[in-house]
């Protein structure tokens, strides 16, 4: 574990102390957990974007027939 020093405004520090008490943990551990969760979510978001961008491109508009119909896009029948 690495120790760091952070500076908080009074209102944020008060919130952090109350939130840590609710979770029966320290402010230090609360901040560490919040940062870890943020890092993991960002990593997951980046991985999802990379997977999406790696997919082959598909043209929506056919040169002869124009744009596909709603049914073709969603592969389901139209409810009328």
PDB file of N, CA and C in Angstrom:
ATOM      1  N   UNK A   1       0.836  -1.187   0.000  1.00  0.00           N
ATOM      2  CA  UNK A   1       0.000   0.000   0.000  1.00  0.00           C
ATOM      3  C   UNK A   1       0.881   1.251   0.000  1.00  0.00           C
ATOM      4  N   UNK A   2       0.403   2.266  -0.671  1.00  0.00           N
ATOM      5  CA  UNK A   2       1.113   3.535  -0.774  1.00  0.00           C
ATOM      6  C   UNK A   2       0.295   4.601  -0.050  1.00  0.00           C
ATOM      7  N   UNK A   3       0.925   5.349   0.823  1.00  0.00           N
ATOM      8  CA  UNK A   3       0.250   6.443   1.512  1.00  0.00           C
ATOM      9  C   UNK A   3       0.391   7.722   0.704  1.00  0.00           C
ATOM     10  N   UNK A   4      -0.712   8.480   0.602  1.00  0.00           N
ATOM     11  CA  UNK A   4      -0.685   9.779  -0.056  1.00  0.00           C
ATOM     12  C   UNK A   4      -1.439  10.761   0.822  1.00  0.00           C
ATOM     13  N   UNK A   5      -1.221  12.037   0.579  1.00  0.00           N
ATOM     14  CA  UNK A   5      -1.935  13.087   1.285  1.00  0.00           C
ATOM     15  C   UNK A   5      -2.836  13.789   0.292  1.00  0.00           C
ATOM     16  N   UNK A   6      -4.098  14.005   0.687  1.00  0.00           N
ATOM     17  CA  UNK A   6      -5.026  14.727  -0.167  1.00  0.00           C
ATOM     18  C   UNK A   6      -5.581  15.920   0.594  1.00  0.00           C
ATOM     19  N   UNK A   7      -6.025  16.905  -0.130  1.00  0.00           N
ATOM     20  CA  UNK A   7      -6.630  18.094   0.466  1.00  0.00           C
ATOM     21  C   UNK A   7      -8.082  18.163   0.023  1.00  0.00           C
ATOM     22  N   UNK A   8      -8.984  18.305   1.002  1.00  0.00           N
ATOM     23  CA  UNK A   8     -10.415  18.373   0.727  1.00  0.00           C
ATOM     24  C   UNK A   8     -10.986  19.650   1.320  1.00  0.00           C
ATOM     25  N   UNK A   9     -12.021  20.170   0.671  1.00  0.00           N
ATOM     26  CA  UNK A   9     -12.725  21.280   1.298  1.00  0.00           C
ATOM     27  C   UNK A   9     -13.484  20.718   2.503  1.00  0.00           C
ATOM     28  N   UNK A  10     -13.889  21.574   3.414  1.00  0.00           N
ATOM     29  CA  UNK A  10     -14.496  21.150   4.673  1.00  0.00           C
ATOM     30  C   UNK A  10     -15.767  20.327   4.464  1.00  0.00           C
ATOM     31  N   UNK A  11     -16.611  20.751   3.539  1.00  0.00           N
ATOM     32  CA  UNK A  11     -17.869  20.035   3.296  1.00  0.00           C
ATOM     33  C   UNK A  11     -17.613  18.621   2.777  1.00  0.00           C
ATOM     34  N   UNK A  12     -16.660  18.478   1.861  1.00  0.00           N
ATOM     35  CA  UNK A  12     -16.327  17.162   1.309  1.00  0.00           C
ATOM     36  C   UNK A  12     -15.695  16.280   2.378  1.00  0.00           C
ATOM     37  N   UNK A  13     -14.840  16.852   3.193  1.00  0.00           N
ATOM     38  CA  UNK A  13     -14.206  16.091   4.276  1.00  0.00           C
ATOM     39  C   UNK A  13     -15.261  15.590   5.258  1.00  0.00           C
ATOM     40  N   UNK A  14     -16.230  16.434   5.577  1.00  0.00           N
ATOM     41  CA  UNK A  14     -17.313  16.038   6.493  1.00  0.00           C
ATOM     42  C   UNK A  14     -18.109  14.894   5.884  1.00  0.00           C
ATOM     43  N   UNK A  15     -18.451  15.024   4.607  1.00  0.00           N
ATOM     44  CA  UNK A  15     -19.190  13.957   3.927  1.00  0.00           C
ATOM     45  C   UNK A  15     -18.395  12.656   3.959  1.00  0.00           C
ATOM     46  N   UNK A  16     -17.105  12.736   3.690  1.00  0.00           N
ATOM     47  CA  UNK A  16     -16.260  11.539   3.658  1.00  0.00           C
ATOM     48  C   UNK A  16     -16.208  10.872   5.028  1.00  0.00           C
ATOM     49  N   UNK A  17     -16.115  11.651   6.093  1.00  0.00           N
ATOM     50  CA  UNK A  17     -16.090  11.079   7.440  1.00  0.00           C
ATOM     51  C   UNK A  17     -17.406  10.377   7.761  1.00  0.00           C
ATOM     52  N   UNK A  18     -18.518  11.012   7.403  1.00  0.00           N
ATOM     53  CA  UNK A  18     -19.837  10.411   7.653  1.00  0.00           C
ATOM     54  C   UNK A  18     -20.012   9.143   6.831  1.00  0.00           C
ATOM     55  N   UNK A  19     -19.660   9.204   5.556  1.00  0.00           N
ATOM     56  CA  UNK A  19     -19.791   8.039   4.672  1.00  0.00           C
ATOM     57  C   UNK A  19     -18.911   6.892   5.148  1.00  0.00           C
ATOM     58  N   UNK A  20     -17.705   7.191   5.568  1.00  0.00           N
ATOM     59  CA  UNK A  20     -16.802   6.152   6.078  1.00  0.00           C
ATOM     60  C   UNK A  20     -17.386   5.521   7.343  1.00  0.00           C
ATOM     61  N   UNK A  21     -17.956   6.336   8.211  1.00  0.00           N
ATOM     62  CA  UNK A  21     -18.563   5.811   9.434  1.00  0.00           C
ATOM     63  C   UNK A  21     -19.745   4.904   9.103  1.00  0.00           C
ATOM     64  N   UNK A  22     -20.561   5.296   8.125  1.00  0.00           N
ATOM     65  CA  UNK A  22     -21.698   4.462   7.704  1.00  0.00           C
ATOM     66  C   UNK A  22     -21.227   3.098   7.225  1.00  0.00           C
ATOM     67  N   UNK A  23     -20.080   3.070   6.577  1.00  0.00           N
ATOM     68  CA  UNK A  23     -19.545   1.822   6.020  1.00  0.00           C
ATOM     69  C   UNK A  23     -18.595   1.118   6.985  1.00  0.00           C
ATOM     70  N   UNK A  24     -18.456   1.690   8.178  1.00  0.00           N
ATOM     71  CA  UNK A  24     -17.575   1.132   9.209  1.00  0.00           C
ATOM     72  C   UNK A  24     -16.148   0.939   8.681  1.00  0.00           C
ATOM     73  N   UNK A  25     -15.628   2.009   8.075  1.00  0.00           N
ATOM     74  CA  UNK A  25     -14.271   1.976   7.537  1.00  0.00           C
ATOM     75  C   UNK A  25     -13.624   3.347   7.773  1.00  0.00           C
ATOM     76  N   UNK A  26     -12.391   3.474   7.375  1.00  0.00           N
ATOM     77  CA  UNK A  26     -11.693   4.761   7.523  1.00  0.00           C
ATOM     78  C   UNK A  26     -11.893   5.604   6.267  1.00  0.00           C
ATOM     79  N   UNK A  27     -11.645   6.894   6.409  1.00  0.00           N
ATOM     80  CA  UNK A  27     -11.727   7.783   5.245  1.00  0.00           C
ATOM     81  C   UNK A  27     -10.686   7.369   4.224  1.00  0.00           C
ATOM     82  N   UNK A  28      -9.522   6.995   4.678  1.00  0.00           N
ATOM     83  CA  UNK A  28      -8.459   6.563   3.776  1.00  0.00           C
ATOM     84  C   UNK A  28      -8.903   5.356   2.949  1.00  0.00           C
ATOM     85  N   UNK A  29      -9.480   4.356   3.619  1.00  0.00           N
ATOM     86  CA  UNK A  29      -9.929   3.158   2.901  1.00  0.00           C
ATOM     87  C   UNK A  29     -11.089   3.497   1.966  1.00  0.00           C
ATOM     88  N   UNK A  30     -12.001   4.373   2.401  1.00  0.00           N
ATOM     89  CA  UNK A  30     -13.129   4.797   1.565  1.00  0.00           C
ATOM     90  C   UNK A  30     -12.631   5.439   0.276  1.00  0.00           C
ATOM     91  N   UNK A  31     -11.706   6.355   0.402  1.00  0.00           N
ATOM     92  CA  UNK A  31     -11.162   7.040  -0.783  1.00  0.00           C
ATOM     93  C   UNK A  31     -10.428   6.039  -1.672  1.00  0.00           C
ATOM     94  N   UNK A  32      -9.669   5.151  -1.065  1.00  0.00           N
ATOM     95  CA  UNK A  32      -8.965   4.130  -1.847  1.00  0.00           C
ATOM     96  C   UNK A  32      -9.914   3.240  -2.622  1.00  0.00           C
ATOM     97  N   UNK A  33     -11.018   2.808  -1.971  1.00  0.00           N
ATOM     98  CA  UNK A  33     -12.001   1.966  -2.643  1.00  0.00           C
ATOM     99  C   UNK A  33     -12.692   2.724  -3.775  1.00  0.00           C
ATOM    100  N   UNK A  34     -13.016   3.992  -3.547  1.00  0.00           N
ATOM    101  CA  UNK A  34     -13.672   4.798  -4.578  1.00  0.00           C
ATOM    102  C   UNK A  34     -12.760   4.962  -5.796  1.00  0.00           C
ATOM    103  N   UNK A  35     -11.494   5.214  -5.556  1.00  0.00           N
ATOM    104  CA  UNK A  35     -10.553   5.371  -6.664  1.00  0.00           C
ATOM    105  C   UNK A  35     -10.348   4.056  -7.411  1.00  0.00           C
ATOM    106  N   UNK A  36     -10.280   2.946  -6.678  1.00  0.00           N
ATOM    107  CA  UNK A  36     -10.127   1.640  -7.318  1.00  0.00           C
ATOM    108  C   UNK A  36     -11.337   1.332  -8.193  1.00  0.00           C
ATOM    109  N   UNK A  37     -12.551   1.581  -7.671  1.00  0.00           N
ATOM    110  CA  UNK A  37     -13.763   1.355  -8.453  1.00  0.00           C
ATOM    111  C   UNK A  37     -13.765   2.217  -9.711  1.00  0.00           C
ATOM    112  N   UNK A  38     -13.358   3.466  -9.578  1.00  0.00           N
ATOM    113  CA  UNK A  38     -13.306   4.376 -10.731  1.00  0.00           C
ATOM    114  C   UNK A  38     -12.322   3.870 -11.779  1.00  0.00           C
ATOM    115  N   UNK A  39     -11.163   3.406 -11.309  1.00  0.00           N
ATOM    116  CA  UNK A  39     -10.139   2.877 -12.224  1.00  0.00           C
ATOM    117  C   UNK A  39     -10.651   1.643 -12.947  1.00  0.00           C
ATOM    118  N   UNK A  40     -11.324   0.731 -12.226  1.00  0.00           N
ATOM    119  CA  UNK A  40     -11.850  -0.484 -12.834  1.00  0.00           C
ATOM    120  C   UNK A  40     -12.934  -0.168 -13.861  1.00  0.00           C
ATOM    121  N   UNK A  41     -13.833   0.759 -13.537  1.00  0.00           N
ATOM    122  CA  UNK A  41     -14.888   1.139 -14.482  1.00  0.00           C
ATOM    123  C   UNK A  41     -14.292   1.762 -15.737  1.00  0.00           C
ATOM    124  N   UNK A  42     -13.293   2.609 -15.567  1.00  0.00           N
ATOM    125  CA  UNK A  42     -12.634   3.235 -16.711  1.00  0.00           C
ATOM    126  C   UNK A  42     -11.945   2.181 -17.569  1.00  0.00           C
ATOM    127  N   UNK A  43     -11.321   1.209 -16.925  1.00  0.00           N
ATOM    128  CA  UNK A  43     -10.653   0.134 -17.654  1.00  0.00           C
ATOM    129  C   UNK A  43     -11.671  -0.698 -18.430  1.00  0.00           C
ATOM    130  N   UNK A  44     -12.808  -1.013 -17.808  1.00  0.00           N
ATOM    131  CA  UNK A  44     -13.867  -1.764 -18.482  1.00  0.00           C
ATOM    132  C   UNK A  44     -14.427  -0.972 -19.657  1.00  0.00           C
ATOM    133  N   UNK A  45     -14.630   0.328 -19.472  1.00  0.00           N
ATOM    134  CA  UNK A  45     -15.152   1.175 -20.542  1.00  0.00           C
ATOM    135  C   UNK A  45     -14.183   1.206 -21.713  1.00  0.00           C
ATOM    136  N   UNK A  46     -12.917   1.358 -21.409  1.00  0.00           N
ATOM    137  CA  UNK A  46     -11.897   1.399 -22.468  1.00  0.00           C
ATOM    138  C   UNK A  46     -11.832   0.071 -23.220  1.00  0.00           C
ATOM    139  N   UNK A  47     -11.909  -1.049 -22.486  1.00  0.00           N
ATOM    140  CA  UNK A  47     -11.879  -2.367 -23.130  1.00  0.00           C
ATOM    141  C   UNK A  47     -13.103  -2.558 -24.027  1.00  0.00           C
ATOM    142  N   UNK A  48     -14.275  -2.115 -23.560  1.00  0.00           N
ATOM    143  CA  UNK A  48     -15.493  -2.238 -24.370  1.00  0.00           C
ATOM    144  C   UNK A  48     -15.374  -1.405 -25.637  1.00  0.00           C
ATOM    145  N   UNK A  49     -14.831  -0.200 -25.522  1.00  0.00           N
ATOM    146  CA  UNK A  49     -14.642   0.648 -26.695  1.00  0.00           C
ATOM    147  C   UNK A  49     -13.675   0.007 -27.682  1.00  0.00           C
ATOM    148  N   UNK A  50     -12.598  -0.565 -27.179  1.00  0.00           N
ATOM    149  CA  UNK A  50     -11.631  -1.228 -28.057  1.00  0.00           C
ATOM    150  C   UNK A  50     -12.259  -2.434 -28.764  1.00  0.00           C
ATOM    151  N   UNK A  51     -13.096  -3.219 -28.037  1.00  0.00           N
ATOM    152  CA  UNK A  51     -13.784  -4.343 -28.669  1.00  0.00           C
ATOM    153  C   UNK A  51     -14.724  -3.850 -29.756  1.00  0.00           C
ATOM    154  N   UNK A  52     -15.446  -2.770 -29.460  1.00  0.00           N
ATOM    155  CA  UNK A  52     -16.378  -2.225 -30.435  1.00  0.00           C
ATOM    156  C   UNK A  52     -15.632  -1.724 -31.678  1.00  0.00           C
ATOM    157  N   UNK A  53     -14.558  -0.992 -31.470  1.00  0.00           N
ATOM    158  CA  UNK A  53     -13.808  -0.425 -32.590  1.00  0.00           C
ATOM    159  C   UNK A  53     -13.105  -1.517 -33.404  1.00  0.00           C
ATOM    160  N   UNK A  54     -12.850  -2.673 -32.824  1.00  0.00           N
ATOM    161  CA  UNK A  54     -12.175  -3.764 -33.527  1.00  0.00           C
ATOM    162  C   UNK A  54     -13.131  -4.545 -34.427  1.00  0.00           C
ATOM    163  N   UNK A  55     -14.427  -4.355 -34.229  1.00  0.00           N
ATOM    164  CA  UNK A  55     -15.411  -5.062 -35.062  1.00  0.00           C
ATOM    165  C   UNK A  55     -15.326  -4.563 -36.496  1.00  0.00           C
ATOM    166  N   UNK A  56     -15.616  -5.454 -37.438  1.00  0.00           N
ATOM    167  CA  UNK A  56     -15.592  -5.013 -38.840  1.00  0.00           C
ATOM    168  C   UNK A  56     -16.699  -4.000 -39.105  1.00  0.00           C
ATOM    169  N   UNK A  57     -16.417  -3.048 -39.950  1.00  0.00           N
ATOM    170  CA  UNK A  57     -17.410  -2.026 -40.301  1.00  0.00           C
ATOM    171  C   UNK A  57     -18.444  -2.628 -41.240  1.00  0.00           C
ATOM    172  N   UNK A  58     -19.683  -2.217 -41.036  1.00  0.00           N
ATOM    173  CA  UNK A  58     -20.789  -2.703 -41.869  1.00  0.00           C
ATOM    174  C   UNK A  58     -21.499  -1.487 -42.434  1.00  0.00           C
ATOM    175  N   UNK A  59     -21.652  -1.448 -43.733  1.00  0.00           N
ATOM    176  CA  UNK A  59     -22.349  -0.338 -44.377  1.00  0.00           C
ATOM    177  C   UNK A  59     -23.848  -0.486 -44.140  1.00  0.00           C
ATOM    178  N   UNK A  60     -24.485   0.576 -43.691  1.00  0.00           N
ATOM    179  CA  UNK A  60     -25.930   0.546 -43.481  1.00  0.00           C
ATOM    180  C   UNK A  60     -26.684   0.770 -44.786  1.00  0.00           C
ATOM    181  N   UNK A  61     -26.090   1.515 -45.663  1.00  0.00           N
ATOM    182  CA  UNK A  61     -26.770   1.867 -46.913  1.00  0.00           C
ATOM    183  C   UNK A  61     -26.213   1.034 -48.060  1.00  0.00           C
ATOM    184  N   UNK A  62     -27.087   0.274 -48.697  1.00  0.00           N
ATOM    185  CA  UNK A  62     -26.723  -0.502 -49.875  1.00  0.00           C
ATOM    186  C   UNK A  62     -26.797   0.441 -51.077  1.00  0.00           C
ATOM    187  N   UNK A  63     -25.836   0.360 -51.958  1.00  0.00           N
ATOM    188  CA  UNK A  63     -25.791   1.273 -53.106  1.00  0.00           C
ATOM    189  C   UNK A  63     -27.031   1.174 -53.975  1.00  0.00           C
ATOM    190  N   UNK A  64     -27.636  -0.007 -54.085  1.00  0.00           N
ATOM    191  CA  UNK A  64     -28.793  -0.201 -54.963  1.00  0.00           C
ATOM    192  C   UNK A  64     -30.129   0.013 -54.268  1.00  0.00           C
ATOM    193  N   UNK A  65     -30.254  -0.463 -53.038  1.00  0.00           N
ATOM    194  CA  UNK A  65     -31.571  -0.452 -52.392  1.00  0.00           C
ATOM    195  C   UNK A  65     -31.729   0.596 -51.298  1.00  0.00           C
ATOM    196  N   UNK A  66     -30.730   1.382 -51.017  1.00  0.00           N
ATOM    197  CA  UNK A  66     -30.851   2.412 -49.993  1.00  0.00           C
ATOM    198  C   UNK A  66     -30.665   1.853 -48.591  1.00  0.00           C
ATOM    199  N   UNK A  67     -31.236   2.550 -47.629  1.00  0.00           N
ATOM    200  CA  UNK A  67     -31.097   2.146 -46.236  1.00  0.00           C
ATOM    201  C   UNK A  67     -31.964   0.926 -45.933  1.00  0.00           C
ATOM    202  N   UNK A  68     -31.531   0.092 -44.981  1.00  0.00           N
ATOM    203  CA  UNK A  68     -32.335  -1.080 -44.630  1.00  0.00           C
ATOM    204  C   UNK A  68     -33.605  -0.660 -43.882  1.00  0.00           C
ATOM    205  N   UNK A  69     -34.600  -1.540 -43.919  1.00  0.00           N
ATOM    206  CA  UNK A  69     -35.837  -1.269 -43.190  1.00  0.00           C
ATOM    207  C   UNK A  69     -35.626  -1.523 -41.708  1.00  0.00           C
ATOM    208  N   UNK A  70     -36.571  -1.087 -40.923  1.00  0.00           N
ATOM    209  CA  UNK A  70     -36.509  -1.292 -39.476  1.00  0.00           C
ATOM    210  C   UNK A  70     -36.464  -2.790 -39.170  1.00  0.00           C
ATOM    211  N   UNK A  71     -37.259  -3.575 -39.879  1.00  0.00           N
ATOM    212  CA  UNK A  71     -37.299  -5.018 -39.665  1.00  0.00           C
ATOM    213  C   UNK A  71     -35.940  -5.659 -39.940  1.00  0.00           C
ATOM    214  N   UNK A  72     -35.293  -5.195 -41.000  1.00  0.00           N
ATOM    215  CA  UNK A  72     -33.978  -5.737 -41.330  1.00  0.00           C
ATOM    216  C   UNK A  72     -32.952  -5.361 -40.263  1.00  0.00           C
ATOM    217  N   UNK A  73     -33.032  -4.154 -39.774  1.00  0.00           N
ATOM    218  CA  UNK A  73     -32.078  -3.717 -38.754  1.00  0.00           C
ATOM    219  C   UNK A  73     -32.236  -4.502 -37.460  1.00  0.00           C
ATOM    220  N   UNK A  74     -33.466  -4.706 -37.044  1.00  0.00           N
ATOM    221  CA  UNK A  74     -33.711  -5.346 -35.756  1.00  0.00           C
ATOM    222  C   UNK A  74     -34.099  -6.808 -35.876  1.00  0.00           C
ATOM    223  N   UNK A  75     -34.173  -7.308 -37.101  1.00  0.00           N
ATOM    224  CA  UNK A  75     -34.453  -8.709 -37.364  1.00  0.00           C
ATOM    225  C   UNK A  75     -35.695  -9.188 -36.622  1.00  0.00           C
ATOM    226  N   UNK A  76     -36.770  -8.394 -36.765  1.00  0.00           N
ATOM    227  CA  UNK A  76     -38.039  -8.771 -36.138  1.00  0.00           C
ATOM    228  C   UNK A  76     -39.183  -8.230 -36.986  1.00  0.00           C
ATOM    229  N   UNK A  77     -40.336  -8.851 -36.919  1.00  0.00           N
ATOM    230  CA  UNK A  77     -41.475  -8.404 -37.734  1.00  0.00           C
ATOM    231  C   UNK A  77     -42.059  -7.103 -37.211  1.00  0.00           C
ATOM    232  N   UNK A  78     -42.720  -6.373 -38.095  1.00  0.00           N
ATOM    233  CA  UNK A  78     -43.388  -5.135 -37.723  1.00  0.00           C
ATOM    234  C   UNK A  78     -44.718  -5.484 -37.079  1.00  0.00           C
ATOM    235  N   UNK A  79     -45.007  -4.857 -35.940  1.00  0.00           N
ATOM    236  CA  UNK A  79     -46.286  -5.066 -35.271  1.00  0.00           C
ATOM    237  C   UNK A  79     -47.259  -4.000 -35.760  1.00  0.00           C
ATOM    238  N   UNK A  80     -48.373  -4.425 -36.330  1.00  0.00           N
ATOM    239  CA  UNK A  80     -49.352  -3.467 -36.844  1.00  0.00           C
ATOM    240  C   UNK A  80     -50.708  -3.760 -36.302  1.00  0.00           C
TER     241      UNK A  80
END
